[in-house]
N, C-alpha and C. Protein backbone atom coordinates (compact mmCIF):
# COMPACT_ATOMS: atom_id res chain seq x y z
N UNK A 1 0.85 -1.18 0.02
CA UNK A 1 0.04 0.02 0.01
C UNK A 1 0.91 1.27 0.00
N UNK A 2 2.01 1.18 0.62
CA UNK A 2 2.91 2.33 0.66
C UNK A 2 3.45 2.64 -0.72
N UNK A 3 3.76 1.52 -1.49
CA UNK A 3 4.33 1.75 -2.82
C UNK A 3 3.38 2.43 -3.78
N UNK A 4 2.06 2.30 -3.53
CA UNK A 4 1.04 2.96 -4.39
C UNK A 4 0.60 4.26 -3.74
N UNK A 5 1.31 4.81 -2.81
CA UNK A 5 1.10 6.10 -2.19
C UNK A 5 -0.28 6.17 -1.47
N UNK A 6 -0.75 5.02 -1.03
CA UNK A 6 -1.92 5.02 -0.19
C UNK A 6 -1.63 5.50 1.28
N UNK A 7 -0.46 5.17 1.72
CA UNK A 7 0.01 5.49 3.04
C UNK A 7 1.15 6.44 2.97
N UNK A 8 1.31 7.26 4.01
CA UNK A 8 2.45 8.18 4.13
C UNK A 8 3.66 7.47 4.77
N UNK A 9 4.46 8.24 5.36
CA UNK A 9 5.70 7.73 5.98
C UNK A 9 5.68 8.13 7.47
N UNK A 10 6.41 7.53 8.23
CA UNK A 10 6.58 7.91 9.67
C UNK A 10 8.05 7.71 10.08
N UNK A 11 8.44 8.45 11.15
CA UNK A 11 9.77 8.31 11.70
C UNK A 11 9.60 8.31 13.11
N UNK A 12 10.34 7.45 13.80
CA UNK A 12 10.32 7.31 15.26
C UNK A 12 11.48 8.23 15.79
N UNK A 13 11.10 9.14 16.64
CA UNK A 13 12.14 9.94 17.28
C UNK A 13 12.25 9.53 18.75
N UNK A 14 13.44 8.93 19.03
CA UNK A 14 13.69 8.44 20.34
C UNK A 14 14.26 9.58 21.15
N UNK A 15 13.61 9.80 22.30
CA UNK A 15 14.11 10.84 23.20
C UNK A 15 14.95 10.28 24.28
N UNK A 16 14.88 8.95 24.54
CA UNK A 16 15.87 8.32 25.49
C UNK A 16 16.66 7.29 24.69
N UNK A 17 17.90 7.39 24.70
CA UNK A 17 18.71 6.49 23.89
C UNK A 17 19.01 5.18 24.59
N UNK A 18 18.85 5.01 25.84
CA UNK A 18 19.22 3.79 26.56
C UNK A 18 18.13 2.77 26.58
N UNK A 19 16.94 3.10 26.29
CA UNK A 19 15.88 2.15 26.24
C UNK A 19 15.49 1.88 24.81
N UNK A 20 14.91 0.61 24.56
CA UNK A 20 14.54 0.36 23.19
C UNK A 20 13.30 1.21 22.80
N UNK A 21 12.24 1.23 23.62
CA UNK A 21 11.13 2.07 23.36
C UNK A 21 10.73 2.76 24.68
N UNK A 22 10.25 3.94 24.60
CA UNK A 22 9.87 4.68 25.77
C UNK A 22 8.57 5.44 25.48
N UNK A 23 7.83 5.72 26.53
CA UNK A 23 6.63 6.49 26.36
C UNK A 23 6.91 7.98 25.96
N UNK A 24 8.21 8.33 26.13
CA UNK A 24 8.57 9.72 25.71
C UNK A 24 8.93 9.82 24.23
N UNK A 25 9.07 8.66 23.57
CA UNK A 25 9.40 8.65 22.14
C UNK A 25 8.24 9.24 21.32
N UNK A 26 8.57 9.85 20.27
CA UNK A 26 7.61 10.49 19.42
C UNK A 26 7.58 9.79 18.03
N UNK A 27 6.34 9.68 17.42
CA UNK A 27 6.30 9.20 16.03
C UNK A 27 5.83 10.42 15.23
N UNK A 28 6.61 10.77 14.22
CA UNK A 28 6.20 11.83 13.28
C UNK A 28 5.55 11.14 12.08
N UNK A 29 4.40 11.54 11.75
CA UNK A 29 3.67 10.99 10.61
C UNK A 29 3.79 12.05 9.49
N UNK A 30 4.05 11.53 8.33
CA UNK A 30 4.10 12.36 7.11
C UNK A 30 3.05 11.78 6.12
N UNK A 31 1.90 12.40 6.03
CA UNK A 31 0.86 11.86 5.19
C UNK A 31 1.25 11.93 3.67
N UNK A 32 0.64 11.09 2.87
CA UNK A 32 0.89 11.09 1.40
C UNK A 32 0.44 12.40 0.83
N UNK A 33 0.97 12.73 -0.32
CA UNK A 33 0.64 13.99 -1.01
C UNK A 33 -0.88 14.19 -1.30
N UNK A 34 -1.58 13.05 -1.67
CA UNK A 34 -2.99 13.11 -1.97
C UNK A 34 -3.74 13.58 -0.73
N UNK A 35 -3.35 13.20 0.43
CA UNK A 35 -4.08 13.53 1.66
C UNK A 35 -3.86 14.95 1.96
N UNK A 36 -2.65 15.49 1.80
CA UNK A 36 -2.40 16.92 2.01
C UNK A 36 -3.27 17.73 1.06
N UNK A 37 -3.31 17.32 -0.19
CA UNK A 37 -4.19 18.03 -1.22
C UNK A 37 -5.65 18.02 -0.77
N UNK A 38 -6.10 16.90 -0.23
CA UNK A 38 -7.51 16.84 0.22
C UNK A 38 -7.74 17.73 1.39
N UNK A 39 -6.82 17.83 2.31
CA UNK A 39 -6.91 18.69 3.47
C UNK A 39 -6.94 20.18 2.96
N UNK A 40 -6.17 20.52 1.96
CA UNK A 40 -6.14 21.86 1.39
C UNK A 40 -7.49 22.18 0.80
N UNK A 41 -8.12 21.24 0.09
CA UNK A 41 -9.43 21.45 -0.51
C UNK A 41 -10.43 21.65 0.56
N UNK A 42 -10.42 20.93 1.64
CA UNK A 42 -11.31 21.10 2.78
C UNK A 42 -11.17 22.49 3.35
N UNK A 43 -9.86 22.92 3.59
CA UNK A 43 -9.62 24.21 4.21
C UNK A 43 -10.15 25.34 3.29
N UNK A 44 -9.92 25.25 1.97
CA UNK A 44 -10.38 26.26 1.06
C UNK A 44 -11.92 26.34 1.05
N UNK A 45 -12.61 25.15 1.03
CA UNK A 45 -14.08 25.14 1.07
C UNK A 45 -14.55 25.73 2.32
N UNK A 46 -13.87 25.48 3.45
CA UNK A 46 -14.31 26.00 4.72
C UNK A 46 -14.20 27.51 4.74
N UNK A 47 -13.12 28.02 4.13
CA UNK A 47 -12.91 29.48 4.05
C UNK A 47 -14.02 30.10 3.19
N UNK A 48 -14.36 29.43 2.11
CA UNK A 48 -15.37 29.99 1.22
C UNK A 48 -16.75 30.02 1.99
N UNK A 49 -17.04 28.98 2.65
CA UNK A 49 -18.37 28.96 3.39
C UNK A 49 -18.40 30.00 4.47
N UNK A 50 -17.29 30.22 5.15
CA UNK A 50 -17.21 31.19 6.17
C UNK A 50 -17.37 32.63 5.59
N UNK A 51 -16.68 32.86 4.51
CA UNK A 51 -16.76 34.18 3.85
C UNK A 51 -18.14 34.49 3.33
N UNK A 52 -18.73 33.54 2.71
CA UNK A 52 -20.09 33.71 2.18
C UNK A 52 -21.09 33.91 3.37
N UNK A 53 -20.89 33.28 4.49
CA UNK A 53 -21.76 33.39 5.61
C UNK A 53 -21.59 34.84 6.15
N UNK A 54 -20.35 35.29 6.30
CA UNK A 54 -20.06 36.66 6.83
C UNK A 54 -20.63 37.67 5.90
N UNK A 55 -20.47 37.56 4.63
CA UNK A 55 -21.01 38.54 3.68
C UNK A 55 -22.51 38.59 3.78
N UNK A 56 -23.14 37.42 3.79
CA UNK A 56 -24.61 37.39 3.69
C UNK A 56 -25.23 37.83 5.08
N UNK A 57 -24.53 37.47 6.19
CA UNK A 57 -25.18 37.82 7.46
C UNK A 57 -24.95 39.20 7.93
N UNK A 58 -23.80 39.80 7.55
CA UNK A 58 -23.55 41.14 7.98
C UNK A 58 -24.06 42.27 7.08
N UNK A 59 -24.45 41.92 5.96
CA UNK A 59 -24.89 42.97 5.05
C UNK A 59 -26.27 43.49 5.43
N UNK A 60 -26.48 44.73 5.29
CA UNK A 60 -27.79 45.37 5.57
C UNK A 60 -28.73 44.98 4.34
N UNK A 61 -30.02 44.96 4.62
CA UNK A 61 -30.88 44.71 3.46
C UNK A 61 -30.78 45.69 2.41
N UNK A 62 -30.89 45.25 1.14
CA UNK A 62 -30.77 46.14 0.01
C UNK A 62 -32.18 46.67 -0.34
N UNK A 63 -32.23 47.99 -0.45
CA UNK A 63 -33.42 48.68 -0.84
C UNK A 63 -33.54 48.63 -2.42
N UNK A 64 -34.79 48.87 -2.86
CA UNK A 64 -35.08 48.80 -4.27
C UNK A 64 -34.31 49.84 -5.06
N UNK A 65 -34.16 51.05 -4.50
CA UNK A 65 -33.45 52.12 -5.20
C UNK A 65 -31.95 51.72 -5.41
N UNK A 66 -31.37 51.12 -4.31
CA UNK A 66 -30.03 50.64 -4.44
C UNK A 66 -29.85 49.57 -5.46
N UNK A 67 -30.82 48.60 -5.45
CA UNK A 67 -30.77 47.53 -6.43
C UNK A 67 -30.80 48.07 -7.83
N UNK A 68 -31.76 48.99 -8.13
CA UNK A 68 -31.83 49.54 -9.44
C UNK A 68 -30.64 50.33 -9.86
N UNK A 69 -30.03 51.04 -8.85
CA UNK A 69 -28.78 51.77 -9.16
C UNK A 69 -27.64 50.83 -9.50
N UNK A 70 -27.50 49.77 -8.79
CA UNK A 70 -26.35 48.82 -9.03
C UNK A 70 -26.56 48.11 -10.35
N UNK A 71 -27.80 47.70 -10.67
CA UNK A 71 -28.12 47.08 -11.94
C UNK A 71 -27.72 48.03 -13.05
N UNK A 72 -28.07 49.25 -12.90
CA UNK A 72 -27.74 50.29 -13.97
C UNK A 72 -26.24 50.49 -14.10
N UNK A 73 -25.53 50.48 -12.99
CA UNK A 73 -24.06 50.56 -13.10
C UNK A 73 -23.39 49.42 -13.79
N UNK A 74 -23.96 48.25 -13.59
CA UNK A 74 -23.36 47.01 -14.22
C UNK A 74 -23.59 47.03 -15.68
N UNK A 75 -24.66 47.60 -16.20
CA UNK A 75 -24.89 47.66 -17.61
C UNK A 75 -25.18 46.29 -18.21
N UNK A 76 -25.66 45.36 -17.54
CA UNK A 76 -25.99 44.00 -18.03
C UNK A 76 -27.47 43.92 -18.40
N UNK A 77 -27.83 43.01 -19.38
CA UNK A 77 -29.16 42.73 -19.60
C UNK A 77 -29.74 42.00 -18.39
N UNK A 78 -31.06 41.94 -18.33
CA UNK A 78 -31.65 41.22 -17.25
C UNK A 78 -31.31 39.71 -17.26
N UNK A 79 -31.17 39.10 -18.44
CA UNK A 79 -30.78 37.76 -18.53
C UNK A 79 -29.36 37.57 -18.07
N UNK A 80 -28.40 38.45 -18.47
CA UNK A 80 -27.03 38.31 -18.03
C UNK A 80 -26.93 38.50 -16.56
N UNK A 81 -27.62 39.48 -16.03
CA UNK A 81 -27.68 39.71 -14.58
C UNK A 81 -28.22 38.48 -13.81
N UNK A 82 -29.29 37.99 -14.30
CA UNK A 82 -29.84 36.80 -13.64
C UNK A 82 -28.91 35.66 -13.57
N UNK A 83 -28.16 35.40 -14.65
CA UNK A 83 -27.15 34.34 -14.75
C UNK A 83 -26.08 34.56 -13.70
N UNK A 84 -25.59 35.90 -13.58
CA UNK A 84 -24.60 36.19 -12.64
C UNK A 84 -25.08 36.08 -11.09
N UNK A 85 -26.29 36.34 -10.95
CA UNK A 85 -26.86 36.30 -9.60
C UNK A 85 -27.34 34.89 -9.24
N UNK A 86 -27.52 34.02 -10.17
CA UNK A 86 -28.04 32.73 -9.95
C UNK A 86 -29.51 32.62 -9.75
N UNK A 87 -30.23 33.58 -10.37
CA UNK A 87 -31.68 33.60 -10.30
C UNK A 87 -32.26 33.67 -11.68
N UNK A 88 -33.56 33.56 -11.83
CA UNK A 88 -34.12 33.65 -13.19
C UNK A 88 -34.28 35.07 -13.59
N UNK A 89 -34.36 35.26 -14.91
CA UNK A 89 -34.55 36.62 -15.46
C UNK A 89 -35.90 37.18 -15.04
N UNK A 90 -36.85 36.23 -14.91
CA UNK A 90 -38.19 36.70 -14.39
C UNK A 90 -38.12 37.28 -13.01
N UNK A 91 -37.32 36.64 -12.17
CA UNK A 91 -37.14 37.15 -10.78
C UNK A 91 -36.45 38.52 -10.85
N UNK A 92 -35.47 38.71 -11.75
CA UNK A 92 -34.84 39.97 -11.88
C UNK A 92 -35.86 41.06 -12.25
N UNK A 93 -36.76 40.75 -13.20
CA UNK A 93 -37.82 41.67 -13.56
C UNK A 93 -38.76 42.01 -12.42
N UNK A 94 -39.08 40.96 -11.60
CA UNK A 94 -39.98 41.24 -10.49
C UNK A 94 -39.28 42.02 -9.39
N UNK A 95 -37.95 41.80 -9.22
CA UNK A 95 -37.22 42.61 -8.23
C UNK A 95 -37.13 44.08 -8.68
N UNK A 96 -36.83 44.30 -9.96
CA UNK A 96 -36.79 45.63 -10.38
C UNK A 96 -38.13 46.41 -10.38
N UNK A 97 -39.15 45.68 -10.55
CA UNK A 97 -40.53 46.24 -10.45
C UNK A 97 -40.98 46.39 -8.99
N UNK A 98 -40.26 45.91 -8.06
CA UNK A 98 -40.65 45.99 -6.70
C UNK A 98 -41.71 45.02 -6.31
N UNK A 99 -41.91 43.91 -7.06
CA UNK A 99 -42.97 42.94 -6.79
C UNK A 99 -42.37 41.81 -5.89
N UNK A 100 -41.10 41.70 -5.72
CA UNK A 100 -40.48 40.75 -4.83
C UNK A 100 -39.47 41.39 -3.93
N UNK A 101 -39.30 40.81 -2.75
CA UNK A 101 -38.42 41.41 -1.78
C UNK A 101 -36.96 40.94 -2.15
N UNK A 102 -35.99 41.88 -2.04
CA UNK A 102 -34.63 41.53 -2.32
C UNK A 102 -34.04 40.84 -1.11
N UNK A 103 -33.66 39.54 -1.26
CA UNK A 103 -33.09 38.81 -0.17
C UNK A 103 -31.71 39.21 0.11
N UNK A 104 -31.22 38.84 1.32
CA UNK A 104 -29.83 39.14 1.75
C UNK A 104 -28.86 38.51 0.72
N UNK A 105 -29.18 37.24 0.30
CA UNK A 105 -28.25 36.57 -0.63
C UNK A 105 -28.13 37.27 -1.90
N UNK A 106 -29.29 37.64 -2.55
CA UNK A 106 -29.18 38.33 -3.80
C UNK A 106 -28.57 39.73 -3.70
N UNK A 107 -28.90 40.46 -2.62
CA UNK A 107 -28.33 41.70 -2.42
C UNK A 107 -26.76 41.59 -2.20
N UNK A 108 -26.37 40.61 -1.47
CA UNK A 108 -24.92 40.43 -1.26
C UNK A 108 -24.22 40.05 -2.53
N UNK A 109 -24.87 39.15 -3.35
CA UNK A 109 -24.25 38.78 -4.62
C UNK A 109 -24.14 39.91 -5.54
N UNK A 110 -25.17 40.83 -5.57
CA UNK A 110 -25.10 41.95 -6.45
C UNK A 110 -24.02 42.93 -6.00
N UNK A 111 -23.85 43.12 -4.66
CA UNK A 111 -22.80 43.95 -4.20
C UNK A 111 -21.42 43.44 -4.55
N UNK A 112 -21.24 42.15 -4.42
CA UNK A 112 -19.92 41.53 -4.76
C UNK A 112 -19.75 41.61 -6.26
N UNK A 113 -20.75 41.44 -7.02
CA UNK A 113 -20.66 41.52 -8.49
C UNK A 113 -20.23 42.89 -8.92
N UNK A 114 -20.80 43.92 -8.33
CA UNK A 114 -20.46 45.30 -8.64
C UNK A 114 -19.08 45.58 -8.18
N UNK A 115 -18.67 45.12 -7.01
CA UNK A 115 -17.30 45.32 -6.50
C UNK A 115 -16.21 44.70 -7.37
N UNK A 116 -16.50 43.57 -7.98
CA UNK A 116 -15.57 42.82 -8.84
C UNK A 116 -15.62 43.23 -10.30
N UNK A 117 -16.62 44.05 -10.66
CA UNK A 117 -16.87 44.41 -12.06
C UNK A 117 -15.77 45.42 -12.53
N UNK A 118 -15.39 45.27 -13.78
CA UNK A 118 -14.49 46.23 -14.41
C UNK A 118 -15.20 47.50 -14.62
N UNK A 119 -14.57 48.68 -14.43
CA UNK A 119 -15.29 49.90 -14.69
C UNK A 119 -15.75 50.05 -16.14
N UNK A 120 -16.97 50.60 -16.26
CA UNK A 120 -17.60 50.71 -17.56
C UNK A 120 -17.05 51.97 -18.23
N UNK A 121 -16.55 51.96 -19.44
CA UNK A 121 -16.07 53.08 -20.15
C UNK A 121 -17.21 53.83 -20.81
N UNK A 122 -17.16 55.17 -20.66
CA UNK A 122 -18.23 56.03 -21.30
C UNK A 122 -17.78 56.50 -22.65
């Protein structure tokens, strides 16, 4: 199993040289590369989840006027905006008309989209 990189490596660090084994001895474990990569993926996903939670939970609700202003600044069609926000174009139309409440998630995504957008040239 070690030859196929299923297992990592280990080294025994003896802290007492006069005994064969001691409770003070340490074993250092070196996981295989695939396991380190998996831990990195988990850490990255955890950071993404935490960041999205912070963004969505700390943002104040978006008002209709602010929503319309940001949509205008982006200069996207309703279909393009809907795709970027992860909602339907029909929902974008209803939000712009004030027929639906702007959720924290949609408001946060729109703010992030505007923050990450390249400036529009006039």
